[in-house]
Every structure is written in structure tokens, then in C-alpha cells.
Amino acid sequence: MFQPSSVIESVDVGNVNTDTSNIKTNHNNPIMVLQSQYVTEGKPYCINGNHRITEAFKKQADHIGVFVFRDLEFVPFFYDNLSKAIYYLEIDYHNVVKNERQLLAEQQTAFVYEF
């Protein structure tokens, strides 16, 4: 559970429908926030639930349920193998070329992805 004020920064305001008559409530889907050093530069980004977070924030709700996916946790959500491979290549670039070892601690380690 999160306070809406702590996740409101993850909302893409351009993706919030201000006409409430056009909002189809779908409270069965979880609110999902992605936070990746490689995709979102470490900042939270809401991938499902912009409207629910915004409304909870406006109503000053105490808490809201949010699933936060970090770095490797959201890899299963990529829609194809090429996207996964490119993501792993991005991680390798940061770990090997830029020597920013955040996910791979060993000096000689890199991700390898087979199709």
C-alpha cells in the first residue's frame, strides 16, 4: 500500500482523461508502476492506473494499492523477444562499457539472451 501523494509523480498527466464520463472504471486491474534505472532513469512511471492514482490523490485517500516493478522484475511483461534482448543489451552497456555495475557485480559478467 502506498500513499497517493508518494506515487502521484509516476502519473503521465497527458494520459489522464479529464472528462470523467469517458473513463471506464476497471478496478479489477492492478495499478502498476515501473521504476527502472535503464528505462525510466530511476523515476517511477505508471503503466496502468493513471486515473485511479490521480483520483485517489485528489480525494486525499490514505492509501492505494500499487505494484512497483523494478529493473528485472518487469522483463516478463515485454511483448517480444527482441524487446527483451534490447533491454538486456542496455543493461550490458551500462554494466560493461560504462562500468556502472548495478545489477551485475562480477567484473566479467554480462547478460546473454538467446532467441
PDB file of N, CA and C in Angstrom:
ATOM      1  N   MET A   1       0.833  -1.179   0.000  1.00  0.00           N
ATOM      2  CA  MET A   1       0.000   0.000   0.000  1.00  0.00           C
ATOM      3  C   MET A   1       0.886   1.253   0.000  1.00  0.00           C
ATOM      4  N   PHE A   2       0.462   2.234  -0.745  1.00  0.00           N
ATOM      5  CA  PHE A   2       1.197   3.488  -0.867  1.00  0.00           C
ATOM      6  C   PHE A   2       0.249   4.645  -0.594  1.00  0.00           C
ATOM      7  N   GLN A   3       0.794   5.741  -0.144  1.00  0.00           N
ATOM      8  CA  GLN A   3       0.017   6.968  -0.071  1.00  0.00           C
ATOM      9  C   GLN A   3      -0.024   7.537  -1.481  1.00  0.00           C
ATOM     10  N   PRO A   4      -1.192   7.966  -1.951  1.00  0.00           N
ATOM     11  CA  PRO A   4      -1.265   8.522  -3.308  1.00  0.00           C
ATOM     12  C   PRO A   4      -0.270   9.647  -3.558  1.00  0.00           C
ATOM     13  N   SER A   5       0.032  10.433  -2.536  1.00  0.00           N
ATOM     14  CA  SER A   5       0.985  11.528  -2.716  1.00  0.00           C
ATOM     15  C   SER A   5       2.393  11.016  -3.016  1.00  0.00           C
ATOM     16  N   SER A   6       2.688   9.772  -2.637  1.00  0.00           N
ATOM     17  CA  SER A   6       4.026   9.238  -2.902  1.00  0.00           C
ATOM     18  C   SER A   6       4.151   8.633  -4.294  1.00  0.00           C
ATOM     19  N   VAL A   7       3.028   8.378  -4.974  1.00  0.00           N
ATOM     20  CA  VAL A   7       3.089   7.806  -6.333  1.00  0.00           C
ATOM     21  C   VAL A   7       2.502   8.723  -7.397  1.00  0.00           C
ATOM     22  N   ILE A   8       2.001   9.894  -7.005  1.00  0.00           N
ATOM     23  CA  ILE A   8       1.406  10.802  -7.989  1.00  0.00           C
ATOM     24  C   ILE A   8       2.428  11.239  -9.027  1.00  0.00           C
ATOM     25  N   GLU A   9       3.701  11.305  -8.670  1.00  0.00           N
ATOM     26  CA  GLU A   9       4.730  11.705  -9.633  1.00  0.00           C
ATOM     27  C   GLU A   9       4.911  10.682 -10.745  1.00  0.00           C
ATOM     28  N   SER A  10       4.412   9.473 -10.557  1.00  0.00           N
ATOM     29  CA  SER A  10       4.541   8.443 -11.581  1.00  0.00           C
ATOM     30  C   SER A  10       3.509   8.584 -12.693  1.00  0.00           C
ATOM     31  N   VAL A  11       2.495   9.406 -12.470  1.00  0.00           N
ATOM     32  CA  VAL A  11       1.391   9.554 -13.419  1.00  0.00           C
ATOM     33  C   VAL A  11       1.808  10.435 -14.594  1.00  0.00           C
ATOM     34  N   ASP A  12       1.509   9.963 -15.791  1.00  0.00           N
ATOM     35  CA  ASP A  12       1.692  10.756 -17.004  1.00  0.00           C
ATOM     36  C   ASP A  12       0.453  11.631 -17.150  1.00  0.00           C
ATOM     37  N   VAL A  13       0.566  12.914 -16.815  1.00  0.00           N
ATOM     38  CA  VAL A  13      -0.603  13.797 -16.816  1.00  0.00           C
ATOM     39  C   VAL A  13      -1.236  13.916 -18.197  1.00  0.00           C
ATOM     40  N   GLY A  14      -0.465  13.706 -19.244  1.00  0.00           N
ATOM     41  CA  GLY A  14      -1.019  13.714 -20.595  1.00  0.00           C
ATOM     42  C   GLY A  14      -1.886  12.504 -20.877  1.00  0.00           C
ATOM     43  N   ASN A  15      -1.833  11.506 -20.000  1.00  0.00           N
ATOM     44  CA  ASN A  15      -2.599  10.284 -20.173  1.00  0.00           C
ATOM     45  C   ASN A  15      -3.759  10.196 -19.182  1.00  0.00           C
ATOM     46  N   VAL A  16      -4.106  11.305 -18.568  1.00  0.00           N
ATOM     47  CA  VAL A  16      -5.233  11.331 -17.637  1.00  0.00           C
ATOM     48  C   VAL A  16      -6.392  12.023 -18.328  1.00  0.00           C
ATOM     49  N   ASN A  17      -7.485  11.309 -18.470  1.00  0.00           N
ATOM     50  CA  ASN A  17      -8.678  11.829 -19.117  1.00  0.00           C
ATOM     51  C   ASN A  17      -9.412  12.744 -18.143  1.00  0.00           C
ATOM     52  N   THR A  18      -9.551  13.997 -18.493  1.00  0.00           N
ATOM     53  CA  THR A  18     -10.219  14.949 -17.598  1.00  0.00           C
ATOM     54  C   THR A  18     -11.739  14.876 -17.692  1.00  0.00           C
ATOM     55  N   ASP A  19     -12.253  14.261 -18.745  1.00  0.00           N
ATOM     56  CA  ASP A  19     -13.697  14.082 -18.889  1.00  0.00           C
ATOM     57  C   ASP A  19     -14.079  12.761 -18.227  1.00  0.00           C
ATOM     58  N   THR A  20     -14.583  12.843 -17.003  1.00  0.00           N
ATOM     59  CA  THR A  20     -14.865  11.628 -16.229  1.00  0.00           C
ATOM     60  C   THR A  20     -15.940  10.750 -16.861  1.00  0.00           C
ATOM     61  N   SER A  21     -16.750  11.290 -17.755  1.00  0.00           N
ATOM     62  CA  SER A  21     -17.768  10.462 -18.411  1.00  0.00           C
ATOM     63  C   SER A  21     -17.141   9.485 -19.405  1.00  0.00           C
ATOM     64  N   ASN A  22     -15.911   9.764 -19.829  1.00  0.00           N
ATOM     65  CA  ASN A  22     -15.219   8.867 -20.755  1.00  0.00           C
ATOM     66  C   ASN A  22     -14.339   7.838 -20.061  1.00  0.00           C
ATOM     67  N   ILE A  23     -14.244   7.909 -18.759  1.00  0.00           N
ATOM     68  CA  ILE A  23     -13.397   6.976 -18.025  1.00  0.00           C
ATOM     69  C   ILE A  23     -14.196   5.700 -17.757  1.00  0.00           C
ATOM     70  N   LYS A  24     -13.665   4.592 -18.204  1.00  0.00           N
ATOM     71  CA  LYS A  24     -14.280   3.295 -17.942  1.00  0.00           C
ATOM     72  C   LYS A  24     -13.612   2.726 -16.694  1.00  0.00           C
ATOM     73  N   THR A  25     -14.371   2.625 -15.633  1.00  0.00           N
ATOM     74  CA  THR A  25     -13.781   2.123 -14.399  1.00  0.00           C
ATOM     75  C   THR A  25     -13.444   0.655 -14.556  1.00  0.00           C
ATOM     76  N   ASN A  26     -12.239   0.318 -14.212  1.00  0.00           N
ATOM     77  CA  ASN A  26     -11.784  -1.055 -14.276  1.00  0.00           C
ATOM     78  C   ASN A  26     -10.936  -1.308 -13.034  1.00  0.00           C
ATOM     79  N   HIS A  27     -11.583  -1.408 -11.921  1.00  0.00           N
ATOM     80  CA  HIS A  27     -10.871  -1.533 -10.661  1.00  0.00           C
ATOM     81  C   HIS A  27     -10.342  -2.938 -10.426  1.00  0.00           C
ATOM     82  N   ASN A  28     -10.597  -3.856 -11.365  1.00  0.00           N
ATOM     83  CA  ASN A  28     -10.073  -5.205 -11.226  1.00  0.00           C
ATOM     84  C   ASN A  28      -8.601  -5.279 -11.619  1.00  0.00           C
ATOM     85  N   ASN A  29      -8.157  -4.361 -12.464  1.00  0.00           N
ATOM     86  CA  ASN A  29      -6.755  -4.361 -12.869  1.00  0.00           C
ATOM     87  C   ASN A  29      -5.915  -3.706 -11.779  1.00  0.00           C
ATOM     88  N   PRO A  30      -4.737  -4.247 -11.532  1.00  0.00           N
ATOM     89  CA  PRO A  30      -3.877  -3.619 -10.519  1.00  0.00           C
ATOM     90  C   PRO A  30      -3.241  -2.340 -11.058  1.00  0.00           C
ATOM     91  N   ILE A  31      -2.919  -1.451 -10.150  1.00  0.00           N
ATOM     92  CA  ILE A  31      -2.132  -0.275 -10.527  1.00  0.00           C
ATOM     93  C   ILE A  31      -0.691  -0.743 -10.615  1.00  0.00           C
ATOM     94  N   MET A  32      -0.063  -0.476 -11.740  1.00  0.00           N
ATOM     95  CA  MET A  32       1.306  -0.944 -11.960  1.00  0.00           C
ATOM     96  C   MET A  32       2.214   0.236 -12.263  1.00  0.00           C
ATOM     97  N   VAL A  33       3.321   0.307 -11.531  1.00  0.00           N
ATOM     98  CA  VAL A  33       4.306   1.363 -11.700  1.00  0.00           C
ATOM     99  C   VAL A  33       5.644   0.710 -12.021  1.00  0.00           C
ATOM    100  N   LEU A  34       6.276   1.227 -13.048  1.00  0.00           N
ATOM    101  CA  LEU A  34       7.591   0.754 -13.463  1.00  0.00           C
ATOM    102  C   LEU A  34       8.641   1.725 -12.948  1.00  0.00           C
ATOM    103  N   GLN A  35       9.697   1.200 -12.359  1.00  0.00           N
ATOM    104  CA  GLN A  35      10.801   2.039 -11.907  1.00  0.00           C
ATOM    105  C   GLN A  35      12.095   1.324 -12.267  1.00  0.00           C
ATOM    106  N   SER A  36      12.725   1.811 -13.319  1.00  0.00           N
ATOM    107  CA  SER A  36      13.920   1.156 -13.840  1.00  0.00           C
ATOM    108  C   SER A  36      15.027   2.174 -14.060  1.00  0.00           C
ATOM    109  N   GLN A  37      16.217   1.814 -13.668  1.00  0.00           N
ATOM    110  CA  GLN A  37      17.373   2.661 -13.903  1.00  0.00           C
ATOM    111  C   GLN A  37      17.593   2.855 -15.402  1.00  0.00           C
ATOM    112  N   TYR A  38      17.203   1.877 -16.191  1.00  0.00           N
ATOM    113  CA  TYR A  38      17.518   1.857 -17.616  1.00  0.00           C
ATOM    114  C   TYR A  38      16.391   2.377 -18.507  1.00  0.00           C
ATOM    115  N   VAL A  39      15.143   2.194 -18.097  1.00  0.00           N
ATOM    116  CA  VAL A  39      14.012   2.620 -18.921  1.00  0.00           C
ATOM    117  C   VAL A  39      13.456   3.966 -18.472  1.00  0.00           C
ATOM    118  N   THR A  40      13.375   4.192 -17.167  1.00  0.00           N
ATOM    119  CA  THR A  40      12.756   5.420 -16.651  1.00  0.00           C
ATOM    120  C   THR A  40      13.744   6.279 -15.860  1.00  0.00           C
ATOM    121  N   GLU A  41      15.015   6.007 -16.020  1.00  0.00           N
ATOM    122  CA  GLU A  41      16.082   6.752 -15.324  1.00  0.00           C
ATOM    123  C   GLU A  41      15.865   6.772 -13.809  1.00  0.00           C
ATOM    124  N   GLY A  42      15.360   5.672 -13.279  1.00  0.00           N
ATOM    125  CA  GLY A  42      15.153   5.527 -11.845  1.00  0.00           C
ATOM    126  C   GLY A  42      13.899   6.176 -11.308  1.00  0.00           C
ATOM    127  N   LYS A  43      13.156   6.870 -12.163  1.00  0.00           N
ATOM    128  CA  LYS A  43      11.931   7.549 -11.724  1.00  0.00           C
ATOM    129  C   LYS A  43      10.741   6.601 -11.896  1.00  0.00           C
ATOM    130  N   PRO A  44       9.745   6.689 -11.030  1.00  0.00           N
ATOM    131  CA  PRO A  44       8.560   5.851 -11.194  1.00  0.00           C
ATOM    132  C   PRO A  44       7.716   6.319 -12.383  1.00  0.00           C
ATOM    133  N   TYR A  45       7.130   5.359 -13.100  1.00  0.00           N
ATOM    134  CA  TYR A  45       6.273   5.687 -14.234  1.00  0.00           C
ATOM    135  C   TYR A  45       5.080   4.726 -14.213  1.00  0.00           C
ATOM    136  N   CYS A  46       3.889   5.266 -14.148  1.00  0.00           N
ATOM    137  CA  CYS A  46       2.676   4.452 -14.090  1.00  0.00           C
ATOM    138  C   CYS A  46       2.375   3.876 -15.472  1.00  0.00           C
ATOM    139  N   ILE A  47       2.278   2.557 -15.548  1.00  0.00           N
ATOM    140  CA  ILE A  47       1.959   1.913 -16.821  1.00  0.00           C
ATOM    141  C   ILE A  47       0.515   1.419 -16.857  1.00  0.00           C
ATOM    142  N   ASN A  48      -0.158   1.418 -15.701  1.00  0.00           N
ATOM    143  CA  ASN A  48      -1.571   1.067 -15.636  1.00  0.00           C
ATOM    144  C   ASN A  48      -2.133   1.644 -14.348  1.00  0.00           C
ATOM    145  N   GLY A  49      -3.073   2.570 -14.452  1.00  0.00           N
ATOM    146  CA  GLY A  49      -3.734   3.111 -13.274  1.00  0.00           C
ATOM    147  C   GLY A  49      -3.580   4.605 -13.084  1.00  0.00           C
ATOM    148  N   ASN A  50      -3.252   5.329 -14.155  1.00  0.00           N
ATOM    149  CA  ASN A  50      -3.101   6.785 -14.059  1.00  0.00           C
ATOM    150  C   ASN A  50      -4.329   7.447 -13.424  1.00  0.00           C
ATOM    151  N   HIS A  51      -5.510   7.068 -13.893  1.00  0.00           N
ATOM    152  CA  HIS A  51      -6.741   7.701 -13.408  1.00  0.00           C
ATOM    153  C   HIS A  51      -6.976   7.369 -11.940  1.00  0.00           C
ATOM    154  N   ARG A  52      -6.759   6.113 -11.549  1.00  0.00           N
ATOM    155  CA  ARG A  52      -7.019   5.718 -10.160  1.00  0.00           C
ATOM    156  C   ARG A  52      -6.068   6.409  -9.197  1.00  0.00           C
ATOM    157  N   ILE A  53      -4.796   6.550  -9.577  1.00  0.00           N
ATOM    158  CA  ILE A  53      -3.857   7.273  -8.721  1.00  0.00           C
ATOM    159  C   ILE A  53      -4.263   8.739  -8.622  1.00  0.00           C
ATOM    160  N   THR A  54      -4.603   9.344  -9.768  1.00  0.00           N
ATOM    161  CA  THR A  54      -4.992  10.752  -9.785  1.00  0.00           C
ATOM    162  C   THR A  54      -6.221  11.002  -8.922  1.00  0.00           C
ATOM    163  N   GLU A  55      -7.229  10.151  -9.053  1.00  0.00           N
ATOM    164  CA  GLU A  55      -8.452  10.325  -8.258  1.00  0.00           C
ATOM    165  C   GLU A  55      -8.179  10.117  -6.770  1.00  0.00           C
ATOM    166  N   ALA A  56      -7.376   9.132  -6.427  1.00  0.00           N
ATOM    167  CA  ALA A  56      -7.040   8.903  -5.017  1.00  0.00           C
ATOM    168  C   ALA A  56      -6.278  10.101  -4.452  1.00  0.00           C
ATOM    169  N   PHE A  57      -5.416  10.688  -5.264  1.00  0.00           N
ATOM    170  CA  PHE A  57      -4.660  11.868  -4.836  1.00  0.00           C
ATOM    171  C   PHE A  57      -5.601  13.058  -4.621  1.00  0.00           C
ATOM    172  N   LYS A  58      -6.525  13.270  -5.578  1.00  0.00           N
ATOM    173  CA  LYS A  58      -7.473  14.379  -5.461  1.00  0.00           C
ATOM    174  C   LYS A  58      -8.365  14.231  -4.231  1.00  0.00           C
ATOM    175  N   LYS A  59      -8.756  12.994  -3.939  1.00  0.00           N
ATOM    176  CA  LYS A  59      -9.642  12.741  -2.794  1.00  0.00           C
ATOM    177  C   LYS A  59      -8.869  12.610  -1.486  1.00  0.00           C
ATOM    178  N   GLN A  60      -7.560  12.784  -1.550  1.00  0.00           N
ATOM    179  CA  GLN A  60      -6.683  12.688  -0.385  1.00  0.00           C
ATOM    180  C   GLN A  60      -6.867  11.363   0.357  1.00  0.00           C
ATOM    181  N   ALA A  61      -6.930  10.284  -0.422  1.00  0.00           N
ATOM    182  CA  ALA A  61      -7.060   8.948   0.170  1.00  0.00           C
ATOM    183  C   ALA A  61      -5.815   8.622   0.990  1.00  0.00           C
ATOM    184  N   ASP A  62      -6.012   7.830   2.023  1.00  0.00           N
ATOM    185  CA  ASP A  62      -4.886   7.456   2.884  1.00  0.00           C
ATOM    186  C   ASP A  62      -3.910   6.525   2.172  1.00  0.00           C
ATOM    187  N   HIS A  63      -4.448   5.518   1.477  1.00  0.00           N
ATOM    188  CA  HIS A  63      -3.602   4.522   0.831  1.00  0.00           C
ATOM    189  C   HIS A  63      -4.216   4.049  -0.480  1.00  0.00           C
ATOM    190  N   ILE A  64      -3.357   3.513  -1.313  1.00  0.00           N
ATOM    191  CA  ILE A  64      -3.793   2.916  -2.574  1.00  0.00           C
ATOM    192  C   ILE A  64      -2.853   1.747  -2.883  1.00  0.00           C
ATOM    193  N   GLY A  65      -3.408   0.673  -3.394  1.00  0.00           N
ATOM    194  CA  GLY A  65      -2.603  -0.500  -3.714  1.00  0.00           C
ATOM    195  C   GLY A  65      -1.880  -0.326  -5.040  1.00  0.00           C
ATOM    196  N   VAL A  66      -0.579  -0.500  -5.034  1.00  0.00           N
ATOM    197  CA  VAL A  66       0.242  -0.313  -6.232  1.00  0.00           C
ATOM    198  C   VAL A  66       1.284  -1.420  -6.292  1.00  0.00           C
ATOM    199  N   PHE A  67       1.442  -2.007  -7.474  1.00  0.00           N
ATOM    200  CA  PHE A  67       2.544  -2.934  -7.707  1.00  0.00           C
ATOM    201  C   PHE A  67       3.670  -2.146  -8.363  1.00  0.00           C
ATOM    202  N   VAL A  68       4.843  -2.142  -7.752  1.00  0.00           N
ATOM    203  CA  VAL A  68       6.006  -1.457  -8.310  1.00  0.00           C
ATOM    204  C   VAL A  68       6.957  -2.514  -8.844  1.00  0.00           C
ATOM    205  N   PHE A  69       7.294  -2.403 -10.123  1.00  0.00           N
ATOM    206  CA  PHE A  69       8.219  -3.334 -10.769  1.00  0.00           C
ATOM    207  C   PHE A  69       9.535  -2.610 -11.015  1.00  0.00           C
ATOM    208  N   ARG A  70      10.622  -3.198 -10.554  1.00  0.00           N
ATOM    209  CA  ARG A  70      11.942  -2.592 -10.715  1.00  0.00           C
ATOM    210  C   ARG A  70      12.799  -3.458 -11.630  1.00  0.00           C
ATOM    211  N   ASP A  71      13.625  -2.813 -12.393  1.00  0.00           N
ATOM    212  CA  ASP A  71      14.617  -3.400 -13.291  1.00  0.00           C
ATOM    213  C   ASP A  71      14.244  -4.777 -13.841  1.00  0.00           C
ATOM    214  N   LEU A  72      14.727  -5.856 -13.312  1.00  0.00           N
ATOM    215  CA  LEU A  72      14.494  -7.176 -13.910  1.00  0.00           C
ATOM    216  C   LEU A  72      13.119  -7.754 -13.609  1.00  0.00           C
ATOM    217  N   GLU A  73      12.371  -7.173 -12.679  1.00  0.00           N
ATOM    218  CA  GLU A  73      11.067  -7.712 -12.309  1.00  0.00           C
ATOM    219  C   GLU A  73      10.035  -7.596 -13.426  1.00  0.00           C
ATOM    220  N   PHE A  74      10.188  -6.639 -14.330  1.00  0.00           N
ATOM    221  CA  PHE A  74       9.163  -6.444 -15.354  1.00  0.00           C
ATOM    222  C   PHE A  74       9.536  -7.074 -16.692  1.00  0.00           C
ATOM    223  N   VAL A  75      10.670  -7.749 -16.778  1.00  0.00           N
ATOM    224  CA  VAL A  75      11.086  -8.381 -18.039  1.00  0.00           C
ATOM    225  C   VAL A  75      10.004  -9.309 -18.599  1.00  0.00           C
ATOM    226  N   PRO A  76       9.282 -10.085 -17.776  1.00  0.00           N
ATOM    227  CA  PRO A  76       8.229 -10.944 -18.338  1.00  0.00           C
ATOM    228  C   PRO A  76       7.108 -10.187 -19.060  1.00  0.00           C
ATOM    229  N   PHE A  77       6.999  -8.873 -18.836  1.00  0.00           N
ATOM    230  CA  PHE A  77       5.946  -8.099 -19.484  1.00  0.00           C
ATOM    231  C   PHE A  77       6.312  -7.622 -20.890  1.00  0.00           C
ATOM    232  N   PHE A  78       7.575  -7.769 -21.289  1.00  0.00           N
ATOM    233  CA  PHE A  78       7.942  -7.388 -22.651  1.00  0.00           C
ATOM    234  C   PHE A  78       7.152  -8.245 -23.638  1.00  0.00           C
ATOM    235  N   TYR A  79       6.702  -7.632 -24.699  1.00  0.00           N
ATOM    236  CA  TYR A  79       5.799  -8.329 -25.614  1.00  0.00           C
ATOM    237  C   TYR A  79       6.499  -9.208 -26.639  1.00  0.00           C
ATOM    238  N   ASP A  80       7.808  -9.069 -26.806  1.00  0.00           N
ATOM    239  CA  ASP A  80       8.508  -9.958 -27.749  1.00  0.00           C
ATOM    240  C   ASP A  80       9.967 -10.134 -27.326  1.00  0.00           C
ATOM    241  N   ASN A  81      10.615 -11.116 -27.943  1.00  0.00           N
ATOM    242  CA  ASN A  81      11.998 -11.440 -27.600  1.00  0.00           C
ATOM    243  C   ASN A  81      12.967 -10.328 -27.968  1.00  0.00           C
ATOM    244  N   LEU A  82      12.690  -9.608 -29.034  1.00  0.00           N
ATOM    245  CA  LEU A  82      13.584  -8.522 -29.432  1.00  0.00           C
ATOM    246  C   LEU A  82      13.617  -7.423 -28.361  1.00  0.00           C
ATOM    247  N   SER A  83      12.465  -7.089 -27.803  1.00  0.00           N
ATOM    248  CA  SER A  83      12.408  -6.089 -26.736  1.00  0.00           C
ATOM    249  C   SER A  83      13.211  -6.539 -25.522  1.00  0.00           C
ATOM    250  N   LYS A  84      13.091  -7.810 -25.174  1.00  0.00           N
ATOM    251  CA  LYS A  84      13.862  -8.342 -24.050  1.00  0.00           C
ATOM    252  C   LYS A  84      15.359  -8.254 -24.344  1.00  0.00           C
ATOM    253  N   ALA A  85      15.744  -8.652 -25.538  1.00  0.00           N
ATOM    254  CA  ALA A  85      17.158  -8.638 -25.907  1.00  0.00           C
ATOM    255  C   ALA A  85      17.720  -7.218 -25.883  1.00  0.00           C
ATOM    256  N   ILE A  86      16.968  -6.257 -26.379  1.00  0.00           N
ATOM    257  CA  ILE A  86      17.426  -4.859 -26.381  1.00  0.00           C
ATOM    258  C   ILE A  86      17.558  -4.351 -24.946  1.00  0.00           C
ATOM    259  N   TYR A  87      16.630  -4.727 -24.085  1.00  0.00           N
ATOM    260  CA  TYR A  87      16.708  -4.310 -22.697  1.00  0.00           C
ATOM    261  C   TYR A  87      17.968  -4.877 -22.034  1.00  0.00           C
ATOM    262  N   TYR A  88      18.231  -6.157 -22.264  1.00  0.00           N
ATOM    263  CA  TYR A  88      19.443  -6.763 -21.699  1.00  0.00           C
ATOM    264  C   TYR A  88      20.701  -6.117 -22.281  1.00  0.00           C
ATOM    265  N   LEU A  89      20.662  -5.746 -23.539  1.00  0.00           N
ATOM    266  CA  LEU A  89      21.797  -5.065 -24.156  1.00  0.00           C
ATOM    267  C   LEU A  89      22.034  -3.701 -23.491  1.00  0.00           C
ATOM    268  N   GLU A  90      20.962  -3.007 -23.169  1.00  0.00           N
ATOM    269  CA  GLU A  90      21.070  -1.718 -22.471  1.00  0.00           C
ATOM    270  C   GLU A  90      21.724  -1.904 -21.095  1.00  0.00           C
ATOM    271  N   ILE A  91      21.311  -2.949 -20.387  1.00  0.00           N
ATOM    272  CA  ILE A  91      21.909  -3.239 -19.080  1.00  0.00           C
ATOM    273  C   ILE A  91      23.392  -3.566 -19.245  1.00  0.00           C
ATOM    274  N   ASP A  92      23.715  -4.388 -20.245  1.00  0.00           N
ATOM    275  CA  ASP A  92      25.115  -4.732 -20.507  1.00  0.00           C
ATOM    276  C   ASP A  92      25.943  -3.490 -20.820  1.00  0.00           C
ATOM    277  N   TYR A  93      25.384  -2.592 -21.611  1.00  0.00           N
ATOM    278  CA  TYR A  93      26.091  -1.361 -21.952  1.00  0.00           C
ATOM    279  C   TYR A  93      26.472  -0.592 -20.688  1.00  0.00           C
ATOM    280  N   HIS A  94      25.516  -0.422 -19.780  1.00  0.00           N
ATOM    281  CA  HIS A  94      25.787   0.313 -18.545  1.00  0.00           C
ATOM    282  C   HIS A  94      26.769  -0.430 -17.643  1.00  0.00           C
ATOM    283  N   ASN A  95      26.634  -1.747 -17.584  1.00  0.00           N
ATOM    284  CA  ASN A  95      27.490  -2.530 -16.705  1.00  0.00           C
ATOM    285  C   ASN A  95      28.891  -2.732 -17.251  1.00  0.00           C
ATOM    286  N   VAL A  96      29.013  -2.959 -18.552  1.00  0.00           N
ATOM    287  CA  VAL A  96      30.304  -3.310 -19.136  1.00  0.00           C
ATOM    288  C   VAL A  96      31.022  -2.081 -19.689  1.00  0.00           C
ATOM    289  N   VAL A  97      30.369  -1.336 -20.552  1.00  0.00           N
ATOM    290  CA  VAL A  97      31.015  -0.198 -21.207  1.00  0.00           C
ATOM    291  C   VAL A  97      31.185   0.971 -20.247  1.00  0.00           C
ATOM    292  N   LYS A  98      30.110   1.323 -19.534  1.00  0.00           N
ATOM    293  CA  LYS A  98      30.168   2.474 -18.623  1.00  0.00           C
ATOM    294  C   LYS A  98      30.650   2.088 -17.213  1.00  0.00           C
ATOM    295  N   ASN A  99      30.801   0.777 -16.981  1.00  0.00           N
ATOM    296  CA  ASN A  99      31.258   0.237 -15.701  1.00  0.00           C
ATOM    297  C   ASN A  99      30.393   0.704 -14.527  1.00  0.00           C
ATOM    298  N   GLU A 100      29.100   0.770 -14.754  1.00  0.00           N
ATOM    299  CA  GLU A 100      28.125   1.094 -13.710  1.00  0.00           C
ATOM    300  C   GLU A 100      27.484  -0.208 -13.263  1.00  0.00           C
ATOM    301  N   ARG A 101      28.123  -0.907 -12.403  1.00  0.00           N
ATOM    302  CA  ARG A 101      27.693  -2.257 -12.008  1.00  0.00           C
ATOM    303  C   ARG A 101      26.586  -2.187 -10.964  1.00  0.00           C
ATOM    304  N   GLN A 102      25.347  -2.147 -11.449  1.00  0.00           N
ATOM    305  CA  GLN A 102      24.207  -2.088 -10.542  1.00  0.00           C
ATOM    306  C   GLN A 102      23.513  -3.434 -10.414  1.00  0.00           C
ATOM    307  N   LEU A 103      23.401  -4.165 -11.491  1.00  0.00           N
ATOM    308  CA  LEU A 103      22.745  -5.466 -11.450  1.00  0.00           C
ATOM    309  C   LEU A 103      23.746  -6.613 -11.554  1.00  0.00           C
ATOM    310  N   LEU A 104      24.888  -6.359 -12.132  1.00  0.00           N
ATOM    311  CA  LEU A 104      25.896  -7.389 -12.325  1.00  0.00           C
ATOM    312  C   LEU A 104      27.144  -7.005 -11.540  1.00  0.00           C
ATOM    313  N   ALA A 105      27.423  -7.744 -10.488  1.00  0.00           N
ATOM    314  CA  ALA A 105      28.526  -7.371  -9.602  1.00  0.00           C
ATOM    315  C   ALA A 105      29.876  -7.862 -10.107  1.00  0.00           C
ATOM    316  N   GLU A 106      29.905  -8.996 -10.755  1.00  0.00           N
ATOM    317  CA  GLU A 106      31.171  -9.571 -11.216  1.00  0.00           C
ATOM    318  C   GLU A 106      31.744  -8.762 -12.372  1.00  0.00           C
ATOM    319  N   GLN A 107      33.029  -8.570 -12.384  1.00  0.00           N
ATOM    320  CA  GLN A 107      33.705  -7.771 -13.408  1.00  0.00           C
ATOM    321  C   GLN A 107      33.531  -8.353 -14.810  1.00  0.00           C
ATOM    322  N   GLN A 108      33.523  -9.663 -14.941  1.00  0.00           N
ATOM    323  CA  GLN A 108      33.463 -10.316 -16.256  1.00  0.00           C
ATOM    324  C   GLN A 108      32.043 -10.773 -16.626  1.00  0.00           C
ATOM    325  N   THR A 109      31.036 -10.299 -15.937  1.00  0.00           N
ATOM    326  CA  THR A 109      29.670 -10.760 -16.147  1.00  0.00           C
ATOM    327  C   THR A 109      28.912  -9.848 -17.106  1.00  0.00           C
ATOM    328  N   ALA A 110      28.052 -10.456 -17.918  1.00  0.00           N
ATOM    329  CA  ALA A 110      27.156  -9.724 -18.806  1.00  0.00           C
ATOM    330  C   ALA A 110      25.937 -10.600 -19.062  1.00  0.00           C
ATOM    331  N   PHE A 111      24.846 -10.004 -19.467  1.00  0.00           N
ATOM    332  CA  PHE A 111      23.676 -10.771 -19.851  1.00  0.00           C
ATOM    333  C   PHE A 111      23.868 -11.297 -21.264  1.00  0.00           C
ATOM    334  N   VAL A 112      23.367 -12.480 -21.492  1.00  0.00           N
ATOM    335  CA  VAL A 112      23.330 -13.041 -22.835  1.00  0.00           C
ATOM    336  C   VAL A 112      21.901 -13.497 -23.038  1.00  0.00           C
ATOM    337  N   TYR A 113      21.317 -13.123 -24.156  1.00  0.00           N
ATOM    338  CA  TYR A 113      19.921 -13.504 -24.386  1.00  0.00           C
ATOM    339  C   TYR A 113      19.819 -14.242 -25.704  1.00  0.00           C
ATOM    340  N   GLU A 114      19.272 -15.449 -25.657  1.00  0.00           N
ATOM    341  CA  GLU A 114      19.080 -16.242 -26.873  1.00  0.00           C
ATOM    342  C   GLU A 114      17.635 -16.178 -27.297  1.00  0.00           C
ATOM    343  N   PHE A 115      17.415 -16.082 -28.597  1.00  0.00           N
ATOM    344  CA  PHE A 115      16.040 -16.117 -29.134  1.00  0.00           C
ATOM    345  C   PHE A 115      15.593 -17.539 -29.242  1.00  0.00           C
TER     346      PHE A 115
END
